[in-house]
Amino acid sequence: VKGRFTISRDNTKNTVYLQMNMLKPEDTAL
């Protein structure tokens, strides 16, 4: 996922994010 996905967090909102760009069929998953 390197170069396509970015992980970040906002501790003031108790939330973590996964930004996924240039998605591919092989990214299909739970």
mmCIF file of all heavy atoms, coordinates in Angstrom:
data_MODEL
# 
_entry.id   MODEL 
# 
loop_
_atom_site.group_PDB 
_atom_site.id 
_atom_site.type_symbol 
_atom_site.label_atom_id 
_atom_site.label_alt_id 
_atom_site.label_comp_id 
_atom_site.label_asym_id 
_atom_site.label_entity_id 
_atom_site.label_seq_id 
_atom_site.pdbx_PDB_ins_code 
_atom_site.Cartn_x 
_atom_site.Cartn_y 
_atom_site.Cartn_z 
_atom_site.occupancy 
_atom_site.B_iso_or_equiv 
_atom_site.pdbx_formal_charge 
_atom_site.auth_seq_id 
_atom_site.auth_comp_id 
_atom_site.auth_asym_id 
_atom_site.auth_atom_id 
_atom_site.pdbx_PDB_model_num 
ATOM 1   N N   . VAL A 1 1  ? 0.809   -1.221 0.000  1.00 0.00 ? 1  VAL A N   1 
ATOM 2   C CA  . VAL A 1 1  ? 0.000   0.000  0.000  1.00 0.00 ? 1  VAL A CA  1 
ATOM 3   C C   . VAL A 1 1  ? 0.839   1.266  0.000  1.00 0.00 ? 1  VAL A C   1 
ATOM 4   O O   . VAL A 1 1  ? 0.302   2.375  -0.108 1.00 0.00 ? 1  VAL A O   1 
ATOM 5   C CB  . VAL A 1 1  ? -0.981  0.034  1.193  1.00 0.00 ? 1  VAL A CB  1 
ATOM 6   C CG1 . VAL A 1 1  ? -1.834  -1.228 1.209  1.00 0.00 ? 1  VAL A CG1 1 
ATOM 7   C CG2 . VAL A 1 1  ? -0.242  0.196  2.516  1.00 0.00 ? 1  VAL A CG2 1 
ATOM 8   N N   . LYS A 1 2  ? 2.142   1.109  0.117  1.00 0.00 ? 2  LYS A N   1 
ATOM 9   C CA  . LYS A 1 2  ? 3.019   2.269  0.188  1.00 0.00 ? 2  LYS A CA  1 
ATOM 10  C C   . LYS A 1 2  ? 2.894   3.095  -1.085 1.00 0.00 ? 2  LYS A C   1 
ATOM 11  O O   . LYS A 1 2  ? 2.857   2.557  -2.185 1.00 0.00 ? 2  LYS A O   1 
ATOM 12  C CB  . LYS A 1 2  ? 4.461   1.799  0.384  1.00 0.00 ? 2  LYS A CB  1 
ATOM 13  C CG  . LYS A 1 2  ? 5.395   2.849  0.948  1.00 0.00 ? 2  LYS A CG  1 
ATOM 14  C CD  . LYS A 1 2  ? 6.726   2.206  1.319  1.00 0.00 ? 2  LYS A CD  1 
ATOM 15  C CE  . LYS A 1 2  ? 6.584   1.285  2.508  1.00 0.00 ? 2  LYS A CE  1 
ATOM 16  N NZ  . LYS A 1 2  ? 7.871   0.706  2.945  1.00 0.00 ? 2  LYS A NZ  1 
ATOM 17  N N   . GLY A 1 3  ? 2.806   4.413  -0.900 1.00 0.00 ? 3  GLY A N   1 
ATOM 18  C CA  . GLY A 1 3  ? 2.647   5.304  -2.045 1.00 0.00 ? 3  GLY A CA  1 
ATOM 19  C C   . GLY A 1 3  ? 1.199   5.535  -2.439 1.00 0.00 ? 3  GLY A C   1 
ATOM 20  O O   . GLY A 1 3  ? 0.907   6.426  -3.252 1.00 0.00 ? 3  GLY A O   1 
ATOM 21  N N   . ARG A 1 4  ? 0.287   4.738  -1.883 1.00 0.00 ? 4  ARG A N   1 
ATOM 22  C CA  . ARG A 1 4  ? -1.140  4.890  -2.209 1.00 0.00 ? 4  ARG A CA  1 
ATOM 23  C C   . ARG A 1 4  ? -1.993  5.162  -0.972 1.00 0.00 ? 4  ARG A C   1 
ATOM 24  O O   . ARG A 1 4  ? -2.971  5.897  -1.053 1.00 0.00 ? 4  ARG A O   1 
ATOM 25  C CB  . ARG A 1 4  ? -1.655  3.622  -2.904 1.00 0.00 ? 4  ARG A CB  1 
ATOM 26  C CG  . ARG A 1 4  ? -0.934  3.298  -4.208 1.00 0.00 ? 4  ARG A CG  1 
ATOM 27  C CD  . ARG A 1 4  ? -1.608  2.123  -4.931 1.00 0.00 ? 4  ARG A CD  1 
ATOM 28  N NE  . ARG A 1 4  ? -1.605  0.910  -4.127 1.00 0.00 ? 4  ARG A NE  1 
ATOM 29  C CZ  . ARG A 1 4  ? -2.710  0.254  -3.779 1.00 0.00 ? 4  ARG A CZ  1 
ATOM 30  N NH1 . ARG A 1 4  ? -3.898  0.707  -4.147 1.00 0.00 ? 4  ARG A NH1 1 
ATOM 31  N NH2 . ARG A 1 4  ? -2.631  -0.860 -3.064 1.00 0.00 ? 4  ARG A NH2 1 
ATOM 32  N N   . PHE A 1 5  ? -1.654  4.550  0.154  1.00 0.00 ? 5  PHE A N   1 
ATOM 33  C CA  . PHE A 1 5  ? -2.425  4.691  1.383  1.00 0.00 ? 5  PHE A CA  1 
ATOM 34  C C   . PHE A 1 5  ? -1.655  5.552  2.376  1.00 0.00 ? 5  PHE A C   1 
ATOM 35  O O   . PHE A 1 5  ? -0.426  5.451  2.476  1.00 0.00 ? 5  PHE A O   1 
ATOM 36  C CB  . PHE A 1 5  ? -2.680  3.342  2.026  1.00 0.00 ? 5  PHE A CB  1 
ATOM 37  C CG  . PHE A 1 5  ? -3.618  2.432  1.278  1.00 0.00 ? 5  PHE A CG  1 
ATOM 38  C CD1 . PHE A 1 5  ? -4.038  2.699  -0.018 1.00 0.00 ? 5  PHE A CD1 1 
ATOM 39  C CD2 . PHE A 1 5  ? -4.084  1.269  1.890  1.00 0.00 ? 5  PHE A CD2 1 
ATOM 40  C CE1 . PHE A 1 5  ? -4.889  1.846  -0.692 1.00 0.00 ? 5  PHE A CE1 1 
ATOM 41  C CE2 . PHE A 1 5  ? -4.942  0.410  1.225  1.00 0.00 ? 5  PHE A CE2 1 
ATOM 42  C CZ  . PHE A 1 5  ? -5.344  0.694  -0.068 1.00 0.00 ? 5  PHE A CZ  1 
ATOM 43  N N   . THR A 1 6  ? -2.400  6.355  3.148  1.00 0.00 ? 6  THR A N   1 
ATOM 44  C CA  . THR A 1 6  ? -1.800  7.170  4.199  1.00 0.00 ? 6  THR A CA  1 
ATOM 45  C C   . THR A 1 6  ? -2.602  7.003  5.480  1.00 0.00 ? 6  THR A C   1 
ATOM 46  O O   . THR A 1 6  ? -3.826  7.122  5.471  1.00 0.00 ? 6  THR A O   1 
ATOM 47  C CB  . THR A 1 6  ? -1.791  8.652  3.800  1.00 0.00 ? 6  THR A CB  1 
ATOM 48  O OG1 . THR A 1 6  ? -1.073  8.820  2.574  1.00 0.00 ? 6  THR A OG1 1 
ATOM 49  C CG2 . THR A 1 6  ? -1.130  9.500  4.890  1.00 0.00 ? 6  THR A CG2 1 
ATOM 50  N N   . ILE A 1 7  ? -1.902  6.720  6.562  1.00 0.00 ? 7  ILE A N   1 
ATOM 51  C CA  . ILE A 1 7  ? -2.541  6.611  7.860  1.00 0.00 ? 7  ILE A CA  1 
ATOM 52  C C   . ILE A 1 7  ? -2.296  7.898  8.636  1.00 0.00 ? 7  ILE A C   1 
ATOM 53  O O   . ILE A 1 7  ? -1.204  8.469  8.580  1.00 0.00 ? 7  ILE A O   1 
ATOM 54  C CB  . ILE A 1 7  ? -2.035  5.378  8.645  1.00 0.00 ? 7  ILE A CB  1 
ATOM 55  C CG1 . ILE A 1 7  ? -2.838  5.169  9.923  1.00 0.00 ? 7  ILE A CG1 1 
ATOM 56  C CG2 . ILE A 1 7  ? -0.537  5.458  8.910  1.00 0.00 ? 7  ILE A CG2 1 
ATOM 57  C CD1 . ILE A 1 7  ? -2.538  3.848  10.627 1.00 0.00 ? 7  ILE A CD1 1 
ATOM 58  N N   . SER A 1 8  ? -3.320  8.355  9.348  1.00 0.00 ? 8  SER A N   1 
ATOM 59  C CA  . SER A 1 8  ? -3.199  9.556  10.169 1.00 0.00 ? 8  SER A CA  1 
ATOM 60  C C   . SER A 1 8  ? -4.152  9.413  11.348 1.00 0.00 ? 8  SER A C   1 
ATOM 61  O O   . SER A 1 8  ? -4.979  8.508  11.387 1.00 0.00 ? 8  SER A O   1 
ATOM 62  C CB  . SER A 1 8  ? -3.519  10.808 9.350  1.00 0.00 ? 8  SER A CB  1 
ATOM 63  O OG  . SER A 1 8  ? -4.861  10.785 8.888  1.00 0.00 ? 8  SER A OG  1 
ATOM 64  N N   . ARG A 1 9  ? -4.026  10.332 12.300 1.00 0.00 ? 9  ARG A N   1 
ATOM 65  C CA  . ARG A 1 9  ? -4.919  10.294 13.453 1.00 0.00 ? 9  ARG A CA  1 
ATOM 66  C C   . ARG A 1 9  ? -5.162  11.697 13.954 1.00 0.00 ? 9  ARG A C   1 
ATOM 67  O O   . ARG A 1 9  ? -4.341  12.590 13.773 1.00 0.00 ? 9  ARG A O   1 
ATOM 68  C CB  . ARG A 1 9  ? -4.350  9.411  14.560 1.00 0.00 ? 9  ARG A CB  1 
ATOM 69  C CG  . ARG A 1 9  ? -3.088  9.923  15.206 1.00 0.00 ? 9  ARG A CG  1 
ATOM 70  C CD  . ARG A 1 9  ? -2.446  8.844  16.094 1.00 0.00 ? 9  ARG A CD  1 
ATOM 71  N NE  . ARG A 1 9  ? -3.292  8.492  17.230 1.00 0.00 ? 9  ARG A NE  1 
ATOM 72  C CZ  . ARG A 1 9  ? -3.145  7.355  17.928 1.00 0.00 ? 9  ARG A CZ  1 
ATOM 73  N NH1 . ARG A 1 9  ? -2.191  6.498  17.593 1.00 0.00 ? 9  ARG A NH1 1 
ATOM 74  N NH2 . ARG A 1 9  ? -3.936  7.109  18.958 1.00 0.00 ? 9  ARG A NH2 1 
ATOM 75  N N   . ASP A 1 10 ? -6.301  11.867 14.603 1.00 0.00 ? 10 ASP A N   1 
ATOM 76  C CA  . ASP A 1 10 ? -6.652  13.114 15.267 1.00 0.00 ? 10 ASP A CA  1 
ATOM 77  C C   . ASP A 1 10 ? -7.001  12.749 16.704 1.00 0.00 ? 10 ASP A C   1 
ATOM 78  O O   . ASP A 1 10 ? -8.099  12.253 16.972 1.00 0.00 ? 10 ASP A O   1 
ATOM 79  C CB  . ASP A 1 10 ? -7.833  13.786 14.556 1.00 0.00 ? 10 ASP A CB  1 
ATOM 80  C CG  . ASP A 1 10 ? -8.163  15.155 15.131 1.00 0.00 ? 10 ASP A CG  1 
ATOM 81  O OD1 . ASP A 1 10 ? -7.765  15.432 16.274 1.00 0.00 ? 10 ASP A OD1 1 
ATOM 82  O OD2 . ASP A 1 10 ? -8.830  15.926 14.444 1.00 0.00 ? 10 ASP A OD2 1 
ATOM 83  N N   . ASN A 1 11 ? -6.066  12.987 17.606 1.00 0.00 ? 11 ASN A N   1 
ATOM 84  C CA  . ASN A 1 11 ? -6.281  12.595 18.999 1.00 0.00 ? 11 ASN A CA  1 
ATOM 85  C C   . ASN A 1 11 ? -7.332  13.448 19.690 1.00 0.00 ? 11 ASN A C   1 
ATOM 86  O O   . ASN A 1 11 ? -7.875  13.038 20.716 1.00 0.00 ? 11 ASN A O   1 
ATOM 87  C CB  . ASN A 1 11 ? -4.965  12.636 19.763 1.00 0.00 ? 11 ASN A CB  1 
ATOM 88  C CG  . ASN A 1 11 ? -4.042  11.483 19.383 1.00 0.00 ? 11 ASN A CG  1 
ATOM 89  O OD1 . ASN A 1 11 ? -4.474  10.488 18.800 1.00 0.00 ? 11 ASN A OD1 1 
ATOM 90  N ND2 . ASN A 1 11 ? -2.760  11.628 19.693 1.00 0.00 ? 11 ASN A ND2 1 
ATOM 91  N N   . THR A 1 12 ? -7.636  14.610 19.154 1.00 0.00 ? 12 THR A N   1 
ATOM 92  C CA  . THR A 1 12 ? -8.707  15.427 19.745 1.00 0.00 ? 12 THR A CA  1 
ATOM 93  C C   . THR A 1 12 ? -10.082 14.843 19.423 1.00 0.00 ? 12 THR A C   1 
ATOM 94  O O   . THR A 1 12 ? -11.062 15.141 20.103 1.00 0.00 ? 12 THR A O   1 
ATOM 95  C CB  . THR A 1 12 ? -8.657  16.870 19.236 1.00 0.00 ? 12 THR A CB  1 
ATOM 96  O OG1 . THR A 1 12 ? -8.962  16.899 17.834 1.00 0.00 ? 12 THR A OG1 1 
ATOM 97  C CG2 . THR A 1 12 ? -7.286  17.487 19.468 1.00 0.00 ? 12 THR A CG2 1 
ATOM 98  N N   . LYS A 1 13 ? -10.123 14.003 18.391 1.00 0.00 ? 13 LYS A N   1 
ATOM 99  C CA  . LYS A 1 13 ? -11.379 13.370 17.989 1.00 0.00 ? 13 LYS A CA  1 
ATOM 100 C C   . LYS A 1 13 ? -11.376 11.870 18.234 1.00 0.00 ? 13 LYS A C   1 
ATOM 101 O O   . LYS A 1 13 ? -12.335 11.177 17.862 1.00 0.00 ? 13 LYS A O   1 
ATOM 102 C CB  . LYS A 1 13 ? -11.651 13.635 16.502 1.00 0.00 ? 13 LYS A CB  1 
ATOM 103 C CG  . LYS A 1 13 ? -11.843 15.097 16.156 1.00 0.00 ? 13 LYS A CG  1 
ATOM 104 C CD  . LYS A 1 13 ? -12.135 15.286 14.678 1.00 0.00 ? 13 LYS A CD  1 
ATOM 105 C CE  . LYS A 1 13 ? -12.361 16.764 14.346 1.00 0.00 ? 13 LYS A CE  1 
ATOM 106 N NZ  . LYS A 1 13 ? -12.627 16.977 12.899 1.00 0.00 ? 13 LYS A NZ  1 
ATOM 107 N N   . ASN A 1 14 ? -10.294 11.361 18.834 1.00 0.00 ? 14 ASN A N   1 
ATOM 108 C CA  . ASN A 1 14 ? -10.180 9.921  19.095 1.00 0.00 ? 14 ASN A CA  1 
ATOM 109 C C   . ASN A 1 14 ? -10.433 9.111  17.820 1.00 0.00 ? 14 ASN A C   1 
ATOM 110 O O   . ASN A 1 14 ? -11.155 8.102  17.845 1.00 0.00 ? 14 ASN A O   1 
ATOM 111 C CB  . ASN A 1 14 ? -11.168 9.473  20.185 1.00 0.00 ? 14 ASN A CB  1 
ATOM 112 C CG  . ASN A 1 14 ? -10.667 9.744  21.579 1.00 0.00 ? 14 ASN A CG  1 
ATOM 113 O OD1 . ASN A 1 14 ? -9.744  10.539 21.767 1.00 0.00 ? 14 ASN A OD1 1 
ATOM 114 N ND2 . ASN A 1 14 ? -11.277 9.119  22.565 1.00 0.00 ? 14 ASN A ND2 1 
ATOM 115 N N   . THR A 1 15 ? -9.828  9.551  16.736 1.00 0.00 ? 15 THR A N   1 
ATOM 116 C CA  . THR A 1 15 ? -10.103 8.917  15.449 1.00 0.00 ? 15 THR A CA  1 
ATOM 117 C C   . THR A 1 15 ? -8.804  8.695  14.676 1.00 0.00 ? 15 THR A C   1 
ATOM 118 O O   . THR A 1 15 ? -7.911  9.554  14.680 1.00 0.00 ? 15 THR A O   1 
ATOM 119 C CB  . THR A 1 15 ? -11.058 9.789  14.606 1.00 0.00 ? 15 THR A CB  1 
ATOM 120 O OG1 . THR A 1 15 ? -12.277 9.989  15.321 1.00 0.00 ? 15 THR A OG1 1 
ATOM 121 C CG2 . THR A 1 15 ? -11.383 9.123  13.277 1.00 0.00 ? 15 THR A CG2 1 
ATOM 122 N N   . VAL A 1 16 ? -8.726  7.546  14.034 1.00 0.00 ? 16 VAL A N   1 
ATOM 123 C CA  . VAL A 1 16 ? -7.623  7.241  13.121 1.00 0.00 ? 16 VAL A CA  1 
ATOM 124 C C   . VAL A 1 16 ? -8.214  7.060  11.728 1.00 0.00 ? 16 VAL A C   1 
ATOM 125 O O   . VAL A 1 16 ? -9.339  6.583  11.589 1.00 0.00 ? 16 VAL A O   1 
ATOM 126 C CB  . VAL A 1 16 ? -6.841  5.995  13.586 1.00 0.00 ? 16 VAL A CB  1 
ATOM 127 C CG1 . VAL A 1 16 ? -7.725  4.755  13.619 1.00 0.00 ? 16 VAL A CG1 1 
ATOM 128 C CG2 . VAL A 1 16 ? -5.610  5.759  12.724 1.00 0.00 ? 16 VAL A CG2 1 
ATOM 129 N N   . TYR A 1 17 ? -7.444  7.468  10.737 1.00 0.00 ? 17 TYR A N   1 
ATOM 130 C CA  . TYR A 1 17 ? -7.924  7.455  9.353  1.00 0.00 ? 17 TYR A CA  1 
ATOM 131 C C   . TYR A 1 17 ? -7.004  6.619  8.467  1.00 0.00 ? 17 TYR A C   1 
ATOM 132 O O   . TYR A 1 17 ? -5.822  6.468  8.753  1.00 0.00 ? 17 TYR A O   1 
ATOM 133 C CB  . TYR A 1 17 ? -7.961  8.888  8.790  1.00 0.00 ? 17 TYR A CB  1 
ATOM 134 C CG  . TYR A 1 17 ? -8.781  9.846  9.601  1.00 0.00 ? 17 TYR A CG  1 
ATOM 135 C CD1 . TYR A 1 17 ? -8.169  10.696 10.525 1.00 0.00 ? 17 TYR A CD1 1 
ATOM 136 C CD2 . TYR A 1 17 ? -10.158 9.909  9.460  1.00 0.00 ? 17 TYR A CD2 1 
ATOM 137 C CE1 . TYR A 1 17 ? -8.905  11.591 11.282 1.00 0.00 ? 17 TYR A CE1 1 
ATOM 138 C CE2 . TYR A 1 17 ? -10.913 10.802 10.217 1.00 0.00 ? 17 TYR A CE2 1 
ATOM 139 C CZ  . TYR A 1 17 ? -10.275 11.637 11.120 1.00 0.00 ? 17 TYR A CZ  1 
ATOM 140 O OH  . TYR A 1 17 ? -11.031 12.519 11.869 1.00 0.00 ? 17 TYR A OH  1 
ATOM 141 N N   . LEU A 1 18 ? -7.575  6.127  7.386  1.00 0.00 ? 18 LEU A N   1 
ATOM 142 C CA  . LEU A 1 18 ? -6.776  5.502  6.338  1.00 0.00 ? 18 LEU A CA  1 
ATOM 143 C C   . LEU A 1 18 ? -7.252  6.087  5.014  1.00 0.00 ? 18 LEU A C   1 
ATOM 144 O O   . LEU A 1 18 ? -8.351  5.781  4.547  1.00 0.00 ? 18 LEU A O   1 
ATOM 145 C CB  . LEU A 1 18 ? -6.942  3.983  6.341  1.00 0.00 ? 18 LEU A CB  1 
ATOM 146 C CG  . LEU A 1 18 ? -6.009  3.246  5.377  1.00 0.00 ? 18 LEU A CG  1 
ATOM 147 C CD1 . LEU A 1 18 ? -4.548  3.385  5.823  1.00 0.00 ? 18 LEU A CD1 1 
ATOM 148 C CD2 . LEU A 1 18 ? -6.386  1.773  5.261  1.00 0.00 ? 18 LEU A CD2 1 
ATOM 149 N N   . GLN A 1 19 ? -6.435  6.962  4.458  1.00 0.00 ? 19 GLN A N   1 
ATOM 150 C CA  . GLN A 1 19 ? -6.722  7.538  3.153  1.00 0.00 ? 19 GLN A CA  1 
ATOM 151 C C   . GLN A 1 19 ? -6.191  6.598  2.089  1.00 0.00 ? 19 GLN A C   1 
ATOM 152 O O   . GLN A 1 19 ? -4.992  6.297  2.071  1.00 0.00 ? 19 GLN A O   1 
ATOM 153 C CB  . GLN A 1 19 ? -6.074  8.907  3.010  1.00 0.00 ? 19 GLN A CB  1 
ATOM 154 C CG  . GLN A 1 19 ? -6.270  9.552  1.644  1.00 0.00 ? 19 GLN A CG  1 
ATOM 155 C CD  . GLN A 1 19 ? -7.715  9.927  1.368  1.00 0.00 ? 19 GLN A CD  1 
ATOM 156 O OE1 . GLN A 1 19 ? -8.394  10.476 2.244  1.00 0.00 ? 19 GLN A OE1 1 
ATOM 157 N NE2 . GLN A 1 19 ? -8.180  9.639  0.159  1.00 0.00 ? 19 GLN A NE2 1 
ATOM 158 N N   . MET A 1 20 ? -7.065  6.130  1.227  1.00 0.00 ? 20 MET A N   1 
ATOM 159 C CA  . MET A 1 20 ? -6.696  5.149  0.217  1.00 0.00 ? 20 MET A CA  1 
ATOM 160 C C   . MET A 1 20 ? -6.888  5.764  -1.166 1.00 0.00 ? 20 MET A C   1 
ATOM 161 O O   . MET A 1 20 ? -8.024  6.098  -1.543 1.00 0.00 ? 20 MET A O   1 
ATOM 162 C CB  . MET A 1 20 ? -7.549  3.890  0.371  1.00 0.00 ? 20 MET A CB  1 
ATOM 163 C CG  . MET A 1 20 ? -7.502  3.294  1.766  1.00 0.00 ? 20 MET A CG  1 
ATOM 164 S SD  . MET A 1 20 ? -8.388  1.727  1.889  1.00 0.00 ? 20 MET A SD  1 
ATOM 165 C CE  . MET A 1 20 ? -10.050 2.277  1.554  1.00 0.00 ? 20 MET A CE  1 
ATOM 166 N N   . ASN A 1 21 ? -5.820  5.915  -1.890 1.00 0.00 ? 21 ASN A N   1 
ATOM 167 C CA  . ASN A 1 21 ? -5.858  6.471  -3.240 1.00 0.00 ? 21 ASN A CA  1 
ATOM 168 C C   . ASN A 1 21 ? -5.455  5.415  -4.255 1.00 0.00 ? 21 ASN A C   1 
ATOM 169 O O   . ASN A 1 21 ? -4.841  4.404  -3.906 1.00 0.00 ? 21 ASN A O   1 
ATOM 170 C CB  . ASN A 1 21 ? -4.918  7.676  -3.341 1.00 0.00 ? 21 ASN A CB  1 
ATOM 171 C CG  . ASN A 1 21 ? -5.294  8.802  -2.408 1.00 0.00 ? 21 ASN A CG  1 
ATOM 172 O OD1 . ASN A 1 21 ? -6.476  9.020  -2.113 1.00 0.00 ? 21 ASN A OD1 1 
ATOM 173 N ND2 . ASN A 1 21 ? -4.305  9.533  -1.942 1.00 0.00 ? 21 ASN A ND2 1 
ATOM 174 N N   . MET A 1 22 ? -5.786  5.653  -5.506 1.00 0.00 ? 22 MET A N   1 
ATOM 175 C CA  . MET A 1 22 ? -5.418  4.748  -6.609 1.00 0.00 ? 22 MET A CA  1 
ATOM 176 C C   . MET A 1 22 ? -5.790  3.309  -6.263 1.00 0.00 ? 22 MET A C   1 
ATOM 177 O O   . MET A 1 22 ? -4.964  2.389  -6.370 1.00 0.00 ? 22 MET A O   1 
ATOM 178 C CB  . MET A 1 22 ? -3.930  4.879  -6.909 1.00 0.00 ? 22 MET A CB  1 
ATOM 179 C CG  . MET A 1 22 ? -3.548  6.255  -7.414 1.00 0.00 ? 22 MET A CG  1 
ATOM 180 S SD  . MET A 1 22 ? -1.798  6.366  -7.830 1.00 0.00 ? 22 MET A SD  1 
ATOM 181 C CE  . MET A 1 22 ? -1.073  6.338  -6.197 1.00 0.00 ? 22 MET A CE  1 
ATOM 182 N N   . LEU A 1 23 ? -6.996  3.116  -5.834 1.00 0.00 ? 23 LEU A N   1 
ATOM 183 C CA  . LEU A 1 23 ? -7.431  1.792  -5.405 1.00 0.00 ? 23 LEU A CA  1 
ATOM 184 C C   . LEU A 1 23 ? -7.406  0.792  -6.552 1.00 0.00 ? 23 LEU A C   1 
ATOM 185 O O   . LEU A 1 23 ? -7.676  1.138  -7.711 1.00 0.00 ? 23 LEU A O   1 
ATOM 186 C CB  . LEU A 1 23 ? -8.824  1.870  -4.787 1.00 0.00 ? 23 LEU A CB  1 
ATOM 187 C CG  . LEU A 1 23 ? -8.842  2.421  -3.358 1.00 0.00 ? 23 LEU A CG  1 
ATOM 188 C CD1 . LEU A 1 23 ? -10.228 2.911  -2.980 1.00 0.00 ? 23 LEU A CD1 1 
ATOM 189 C CD2 . LEU A 1 23 ? -8.359  1.365  -2.380 1.00 0.00 ? 23 LEU A CD2 1 
ATOM 190 N N   . LYS A 1 24 ? -7.074  -0.429 -6.198 1.00 0.00 ? 24 LYS A N   1 
ATOM 191 C CA  . LYS A 1 24 ? -6.988  -1.528 -7.152 1.00 0.00 ? 24 LYS A CA  1 
ATOM 192 C C   . LYS A 1 24 ? -7.969  -2.633 -6.752 1.00 0.00 ? 24 LYS A C   1 
ATOM 193 O O   . LYS A 1 24 ? -8.319  -2.744 -5.563 1.00 0.00 ? 24 LYS A O   1 
ATOM 194 C CB  . LYS A 1 24 ? -5.573  -2.107 -7.155 1.00 0.00 ? 24 LYS A CB  1 
ATOM 195 C CG  . LYS A 1 24 ? -4.470  -1.104 -7.409 1.00 0.00 ? 24 LYS A CG  1 
ATOM 196 C CD  . LYS A 1 24 ? -3.108  -1.768 -7.268 1.00 0.00 ? 24 LYS A CD  1 
ATOM 197 C CE  . LYS A 1 24 ? -1.984  -0.777 -7.491 1.00 0.00 ? 24 LYS A CE  1 
ATOM 198 N NZ  . LYS A 1 24 ? -0.652  -1.420 -7.338 1.00 0.00 ? 24 LYS A NZ  1 
ATOM 199 N N   . PRO A 1 25 ? -8.381  -3.464 -7.688 1.00 0.00 ? 25 PRO A N   1 
ATOM 200 C CA  . PRO A 1 25 ? -9.274  -4.581 -7.321 1.00 0.00 ? 25 PRO A CA  1 
ATOM 201 C C   . PRO A 1 25 ? -8.686  -5.462 -6.208 1.00 0.00 ? 25 PRO A C   1 
ATOM 202 O O   . PRO A 1 25 ? -9.441  -5.974 -5.366 1.00 0.00 ? 25 PRO A O   1 
ATOM 203 C CB  . PRO A 1 25 ? -9.417  -5.355 -8.631 1.00 0.00 ? 25 PRO A CB  1 
ATOM 204 C CG  . PRO A 1 25 ? -9.265  -4.302 -9.683 1.00 0.00 ? 25 PRO A CG  1 
ATOM 205 C CD  . PRO A 1 25 ? -8.218  -3.367 -9.146 1.00 0.00 ? 25 PRO A CD  1 
ATOM 206 N N   . GLU A 1 26 ? -7.371  -5.601 -6.173 1.00 0.00 ? 26 GLU A N   1 
ATOM 207 C CA  . GLU A 1 26 ? -6.765  -6.436 -5.137 1.00 0.00 ? 26 GLU A CA  1 
ATOM 208 C C   . GLU A 1 26 ? -6.801  -5.793 -3.754 1.00 0.00 ? 26 GLU A C   1 
ATOM 209 O O   . GLU A 1 26 ? -6.415  -6.413 -2.762 1.00 0.00 ? 26 GLU A O   1 
ATOM 210 C CB  . GLU A 1 26 ? -5.315  -6.805 -5.507 1.00 0.00 ? 26 GLU A CB  1 
ATOM 211 C CG  . GLU A 1 26 ? -4.442  -5.637 -5.912 1.00 0.00 ? 26 GLU A CG  1 
ATOM 212 C CD  . GLU A 1 26 ? -4.374  -5.444 -7.420 1.00 0.00 ? 26 GLU A CD  1 
ATOM 213 O OE1 . GLU A 1 26 ? -5.425  -5.537 -8.092 1.00 0.00 ? 26 GLU A OE1 1 
ATOM 214 O OE2 . GLU A 1 26 ? -3.259  -5.193 -7.923 1.00 0.00 ? 26 GLU A OE2 1 
ATOM 215 N N   . ASP A 1 27 ? -7.258  -4.556 -3.662 1.00 0.00 ? 27 ASP A N   1 
ATOM 216 C CA  . ASP A 1 27 ? -7.461  -3.919 -2.358 1.00 0.00 ? 27 ASP A CA  1 
ATOM 217 C C   . ASP A 1 27 ? -8.807  -4.306 -1.744 1.00 0.00 ? 27 ASP A C   1 
ATOM 218 O O   . ASP A 1 27 ? -9.088  -3.947 -0.600 1.00 0.00 ? 27 ASP A O   1 
ATOM 219 C CB  . ASP A 1 27 ? -7.392  -2.397 -2.484 1.00 0.00 ? 27 ASP A CB  1 
ATOM 220 C CG  . ASP A 1 27 ? -6.029  -1.887 -2.886 1.00 0.00 ? 27 ASP A CG  1 
ATOM 221 O OD1 . ASP A 1 27 ? -5.018  -2.414 -2.364 1.00 0.00 ? 27 ASP A OD1 1 
ATOM 222 O OD2 . ASP A 1 27 ? -5.978  -0.958 -3.727 1.00 0.00 ? 27 ASP A OD2 1 
ATOM 223 N N   . THR A 1 28 ? -9.623  -5.013 -2.494 1.00 0.00 ? 28 THR A N   1 
ATOM 224 C CA  . THR A 1 28 ? -10.917 -5.446 -1.990 1.00 0.00 ? 28 THR A CA  1 
ATOM 225 C C   . THR A 1 28 ? -10.737 -6.327 -0.759 1.00 0.00 ? 28 THR A C   1 
ATOM 226 O O   . THR A 1 28 ? -10.017 -7.332 -0.800 1.00 0.00 ? 28 THR A O   1 
ATOM 227 C CB  . THR A 1 28 ? -11.682 -6.220 -3.072 1.00 0.00 ? 28 THR A CB  1 
ATOM 228 O OG1 . THR A 1 28 ? -11.998 -5.312 -4.149 1.00 0.00 ? 28 THR A OG1 1 
ATOM 229 C CG2 . THR A 1 28 ? -12.971 -6.813 -2.517 1.00 0.00 ? 28 THR A CG2 1 
ATOM 230 N N   . ALA A 1 29 ? -11.361 -5.933 0.348  1.00 0.00 ? 29 ALA A N   1 
ATOM 231 C CA  . ALA A 1 29 ? -11.200 -6.651 1.611  1.00 0.00 ? 29 ALA A CA  1 
ATOM 232 C C   . ALA A 1 29 ? -12.089 -6.015 2.668  1.00 0.00 ? 29 ALA A C   1 
ATOM 233 O O   . ALA A 1 29 ? -12.635 -4.929 2.478  1.00 0.00 ? 29 ALA A O   1 
ATOM 234 C CB  . ALA A 1 29 ? -9.747  -6.612 2.063  1.00 0.00 ? 29 ALA A CB  1 
ATOM 235 N N   . LEU A 1 30 ? -12.179 -6.705 3.775  1.00 0.00 ? 30 LEU A N   1 
ATOM 236 C CA  . LEU A 1 30 ? -12.775 -6.138 4.984  1.00 0.00 ? 30 LEU A CA  1 
ATOM 237 C C   . LEU A 1 30 ? -11.640 -5.486 5.758  1.00 0.00 ? 30 LEU A C   1 
ATOM 238 O O   . LEU A 1 30 ? -10.626 -6.136 6.050  1.00 0.00 ? 30 LEU A O   1 
ATOM 239 C CB  . LEU A 1 30 ? -13.431 -7.244 5.804  1.00 0.00 ? 30 LEU A CB  1 
ATOM 240 C CG  . LEU A 1 30 ? -14.314 -6.841 6.985  1.00 0.00 ? 30 LEU A CG  1 
ATOM 241 C CD1 . LEU A 1 30 ? -15.470 -5.951 6.507  1.00 0.00 ? 30 LEU A CD1 1 
ATOM 242 C CD2 . LEU A 1 30 ? -14.870 -8.073 7.669  1.00 0.00 ? 30 LEU A CD2 1 
# 
